[in-house]
Amino acid sequence: MTRIDLDDLPPKVAALLAKVATGEPVLLVEKGVVVGRLVGAAAAPDDAAEAEPAPTPEETAKEIFEQFRSSIEDEF
């Protein structure tokens, strides 16, 4: 499962995602084309976040590289 930390997003985007109601659809649009769909779900209990194992160094490096690549692509 992909995890998006709202603290890592711009404040406007984080606020919009935080307000999504359970079952409410969210469209991801890029240059006028729908590139993805999300559906709001009930917030998980805090215990679930703590039970998640820490990412391995390889996973962390992969995530950092993907964020870097994405930011470079956004610039050009």
N, C-alpha and C. Protein backbone atom coordinates (compact mmCIF):
# COMPACT_ATOMS: atom_id res chain seq x y z
N MET A 1 0.85 -1.17 0.00
CA MET A 1 0.00 0.00 0.00
C MET A 1 0.89 1.23 0.00
N THR A 2 0.53 2.20 -0.81
CA THR A 2 1.25 3.46 -0.87
C THR A 2 0.78 4.35 0.27
N ARG A 3 1.72 4.99 0.91
CA ARG A 3 1.39 5.88 2.03
C ARG A 3 1.83 7.29 1.68
N ILE A 4 0.92 8.26 1.85
CA ILE A 4 1.23 9.66 1.61
C ILE A 4 1.11 10.39 2.94
N ASP A 5 2.20 11.00 3.37
CA ASP A 5 2.21 11.76 4.61
C ASP A 5 1.75 13.18 4.30
N LEU A 6 0.65 13.61 4.88
CA LEU A 6 0.11 14.94 4.61
C LEU A 6 1.09 16.04 4.99
N ASP A 7 2.00 15.76 5.93
CA ASP A 7 3.00 16.76 6.31
C ASP A 7 3.99 17.05 5.18
N ASP A 8 4.12 16.10 4.24
CA ASP A 8 5.05 16.27 3.13
C ASP A 8 4.44 17.02 1.95
N LEU A 9 3.14 17.26 2.00
CA LEU A 9 2.44 17.91 0.89
C LEU A 9 2.29 19.41 1.14
N PRO A 10 2.07 20.16 0.06
CA PRO A 10 1.78 21.59 0.26
C PRO A 10 0.52 21.75 1.12
N PRO A 11 0.45 22.78 1.95
CA PRO A 11 -0.66 22.94 2.88
C PRO A 11 -2.05 22.89 2.24
N LYS A 12 -2.21 23.49 1.07
CA LYS A 12 -3.52 23.50 0.41
C LYS A 12 -3.96 22.08 0.04
N VAL A 13 -3.04 21.30 -0.52
CA VAL A 13 -3.35 19.93 -0.91
C VAL A 13 -3.64 19.08 0.32
N ALA A 14 -2.83 19.24 1.36
CA ALA A 14 -3.04 18.48 2.59
C ALA A 14 -4.41 18.78 3.20
N ALA A 15 -4.80 20.05 3.20
CA ALA A 15 -6.10 20.43 3.75
C ALA A 15 -7.25 19.82 2.94
N LEU A 16 -7.12 19.84 1.61
CA LEU A 16 -8.16 19.25 0.77
C LEU A 16 -8.30 17.75 1.01
N LEU A 17 -7.18 17.05 1.09
CA LEU A 17 -7.23 15.61 1.30
C LEU A 17 -7.75 15.27 2.70
N ALA A 18 -7.41 16.08 3.69
CA ALA A 18 -7.85 15.83 5.06
C ALA A 18 -9.36 15.99 5.19
N LYS A 19 -9.98 16.81 4.33
CA LYS A 19 -11.42 17.06 4.41
C LYS A 19 -12.26 16.07 3.61
N VAL A 20 -11.64 15.13 2.90
CA VAL A 20 -12.39 14.18 2.09
C VAL A 20 -13.21 13.27 2.99
N ALA A 21 -14.51 13.19 2.71
CA ALA A 21 -15.41 12.36 3.52
C ALA A 21 -15.29 10.89 3.12
N THR A 22 -15.68 10.03 4.02
CA THR A 22 -15.68 8.59 3.75
C THR A 22 -16.54 8.29 2.53
N GLY A 23 -15.97 7.59 1.55
CA GLY A 23 -16.68 7.23 0.34
C GLY A 23 -16.67 8.29 -0.75
N GLU A 24 -16.18 9.49 -0.43
CA GLU A 24 -16.14 10.57 -1.42
C GLU A 24 -15.00 10.33 -2.41
N PRO A 25 -15.30 10.38 -3.72
CA PRO A 25 -14.23 10.15 -4.71
C PRO A 25 -13.35 11.40 -4.87
N VAL A 26 -12.08 11.16 -5.16
CA VAL A 26 -11.12 12.22 -5.44
C VAL A 26 -10.45 11.87 -6.76
N LEU A 27 -10.49 12.79 -7.71
CA LEU A 27 -9.84 12.57 -9.00
C LEU A 27 -8.46 13.22 -8.99
N LEU A 28 -7.47 12.52 -9.50
CA LEU A 28 -6.13 13.07 -9.68
C LEU A 28 -6.01 13.46 -11.15
N VAL A 29 -5.81 14.75 -11.41
CA VAL A 29 -5.81 15.26 -12.78
C VAL A 29 -4.46 15.90 -13.07
N GLU A 30 -3.91 15.58 -14.24
CA GLU A 30 -2.65 16.17 -14.69
C GLU A 30 -2.83 16.65 -16.12
N LYS A 31 -2.65 17.95 -16.34
CA LYS A 31 -2.81 18.57 -17.66
C LYS A 31 -4.16 18.25 -18.27
N GLY A 32 -5.20 18.26 -17.44
CA GLY A 32 -6.56 18.04 -17.91
C GLY A 32 -6.95 16.59 -18.09
N VAL A 33 -6.06 15.66 -17.79
CA VAL A 33 -6.35 14.23 -17.97
C VAL A 33 -6.40 13.56 -16.61
N VAL A 34 -7.43 12.74 -16.39
CA VAL A 34 -7.53 11.99 -15.14
C VAL A 34 -6.45 10.92 -15.13
N VAL A 35 -5.58 10.97 -14.13
CA VAL A 35 -4.48 10.01 -14.03
C VAL A 35 -4.66 9.05 -12.86
N GLY A 36 -5.67 9.29 -12.04
CA GLY A 36 -5.91 8.41 -10.90
C GLY A 36 -7.17 8.77 -10.17
N ARG A 37 -7.64 7.84 -9.37
CA ARG A 37 -8.83 8.05 -8.56
C ARG A 37 -8.56 7.52 -7.16
N LEU A 38 -9.03 8.25 -6.18
CA LEU A 38 -8.95 7.83 -4.78
C LEU A 38 -10.34 7.88 -4.20
N VAL A 39 -10.57 7.10 -3.15
CA VAL A 39 -11.85 7.13 -2.45
C VAL A 39 -11.54 7.35 -0.98
N GLY A 40 -12.22 8.32 -0.38
CA GLY A 40 -12.01 8.62 1.03
C GLY A 40 -12.41 7.44 1.90
N ALA A 41 -11.64 7.22 2.95
CA ALA A 41 -11.92 6.14 3.89
C ALA A 41 -11.87 6.71 5.30
N ALA A 42 -12.43 5.96 6.22
CA ALA A 42 -12.40 6.38 7.62
C ALA A 42 -10.95 6.36 8.10
N ALA A 43 -10.61 7.28 8.97
CA ALA A 43 -9.25 7.35 9.50
C ALA A 43 -8.96 6.09 10.32
N ALA A 44 -7.76 5.57 10.14
CA ALA A 44 -7.34 4.38 10.89
C ALA A 44 -6.97 4.80 12.31
N PRO A 45 -7.11 3.89 13.25
CA PRO A 45 -6.69 4.21 14.62
C PRO A 45 -5.19 4.50 14.67
N ASP A 46 -4.77 5.29 15.63
CA ASP A 46 -3.36 5.65 15.75
C ASP A 46 -2.46 4.44 15.97
N ASP A 47 -2.99 3.37 16.58
CA ASP A 47 -2.20 2.17 16.83
C ASP A 47 -1.71 1.55 15.53
N ALA A 48 -2.49 1.67 14.46
CA ALA A 48 -2.11 1.09 13.18
C ALA A 48 -0.84 1.75 12.65
N ALA A 49 -0.71 3.04 12.83
CA ALA A 49 0.47 3.75 12.34
C ALA A 49 1.72 3.32 13.12
N GLU A 50 1.57 3.08 14.40
CA GLU A 50 2.71 2.68 15.22
C GLU A 50 3.11 1.23 14.95
N ALA A 51 2.16 0.39 14.55
CA ALA A 51 2.44 -1.02 14.32
C ALA A 51 3.18 -1.24 13.00
N GLU A 52 3.18 -0.24 12.13
CA GLU A 52 3.85 -0.37 10.84
C GLU A 52 5.36 -0.42 11.04
N PRO A 53 6.02 -1.41 10.41
CA PRO A 53 7.47 -1.52 10.59
C PRO A 53 8.20 -0.35 9.92
N ALA A 54 9.36 -0.04 10.46
CA ALA A 54 10.16 1.05 9.89
C ALA A 54 10.65 0.64 8.51
N PRO A 55 10.71 1.59 7.57
CA PRO A 55 11.17 1.24 6.22
C PRO A 55 12.66 0.87 6.25
N THR A 56 13.03 -0.03 5.35
CA THR A 56 14.43 -0.42 5.24
C THR A 56 15.20 0.72 4.58
N PRO A 57 16.52 0.73 4.73
CA PRO A 57 17.32 1.78 4.07
C PRO A 57 17.11 1.81 2.55
N GLU A 58 16.91 0.62 1.95
CA GLU A 58 16.68 0.56 0.51
C GLU A 58 15.36 1.23 0.14
N GLU A 59 14.32 0.99 0.95
CA GLU A 59 13.02 1.61 0.69
C GLU A 59 13.12 3.12 0.85
N THR A 60 13.83 3.57 1.87
CA THR A 60 14.00 5.00 2.11
C THR A 60 14.75 5.65 0.94
N ALA A 61 15.82 5.00 0.48
CA ALA A 61 16.59 5.53 -0.65
C ALA A 61 15.73 5.58 -1.90
N LYS A 62 14.93 4.55 -2.12
CA LYS A 62 14.06 4.51 -3.30
C LYS A 62 13.05 5.66 -3.26
N GLU A 63 12.46 5.90 -2.08
CA GLU A 63 11.48 6.98 -1.95
C GLU A 63 12.13 8.34 -2.19
N ILE A 64 13.31 8.54 -1.64
CA ILE A 64 14.02 9.81 -1.84
C ILE A 64 14.34 10.02 -3.31
N PHE A 65 14.81 8.96 -3.98
CA PHE A 65 15.13 9.06 -5.41
C PHE A 65 13.88 9.39 -6.22
N GLU A 66 12.75 8.75 -5.91
CA GLU A 66 11.50 9.01 -6.63
C GLU A 66 11.05 10.46 -6.44
N GLN A 67 11.18 10.98 -5.22
CA GLN A 67 10.80 12.37 -4.97
C GLN A 67 11.73 13.32 -5.74
N PHE A 68 13.01 13.01 -5.76
CA PHE A 68 13.97 13.83 -6.49
C PHE A 68 13.66 13.81 -7.99
N ARG A 69 13.44 12.61 -8.53
CA ARG A 69 13.12 12.47 -9.96
C ARG A 69 11.86 13.24 -10.31
N SER A 70 10.86 13.13 -9.46
CA SER A 70 9.60 13.83 -9.69
C SER A 70 9.79 15.34 -9.69
N SER A 71 10.58 15.84 -8.74
CA SER A 71 10.81 17.29 -8.68
C SER A 71 11.58 17.78 -9.90
N ILE A 72 12.54 16.99 -10.38
CA ILE A 72 13.29 17.35 -11.58
C ILE A 72 12.36 17.36 -12.79
N GLU A 73 11.50 16.35 -12.93
CA GLU A 73 10.56 16.31 -14.04
C GLU A 73 9.60 17.49 -14.01
N ASP A 74 9.19 17.90 -12.82
CA ASP A 74 8.28 19.04 -12.68
C ASP A 74 8.94 20.33 -13.15
N GLU A 75 10.26 20.44 -12.96
CA GLU A 75 10.98 21.65 -13.35
C GLU A 75 11.14 21.75 -14.86
N PHE A 76 11.23 20.61 -15.54
CA PHE A 76 11.49 20.63 -16.98
C PHE A 76 10.29 20.08 -17.66
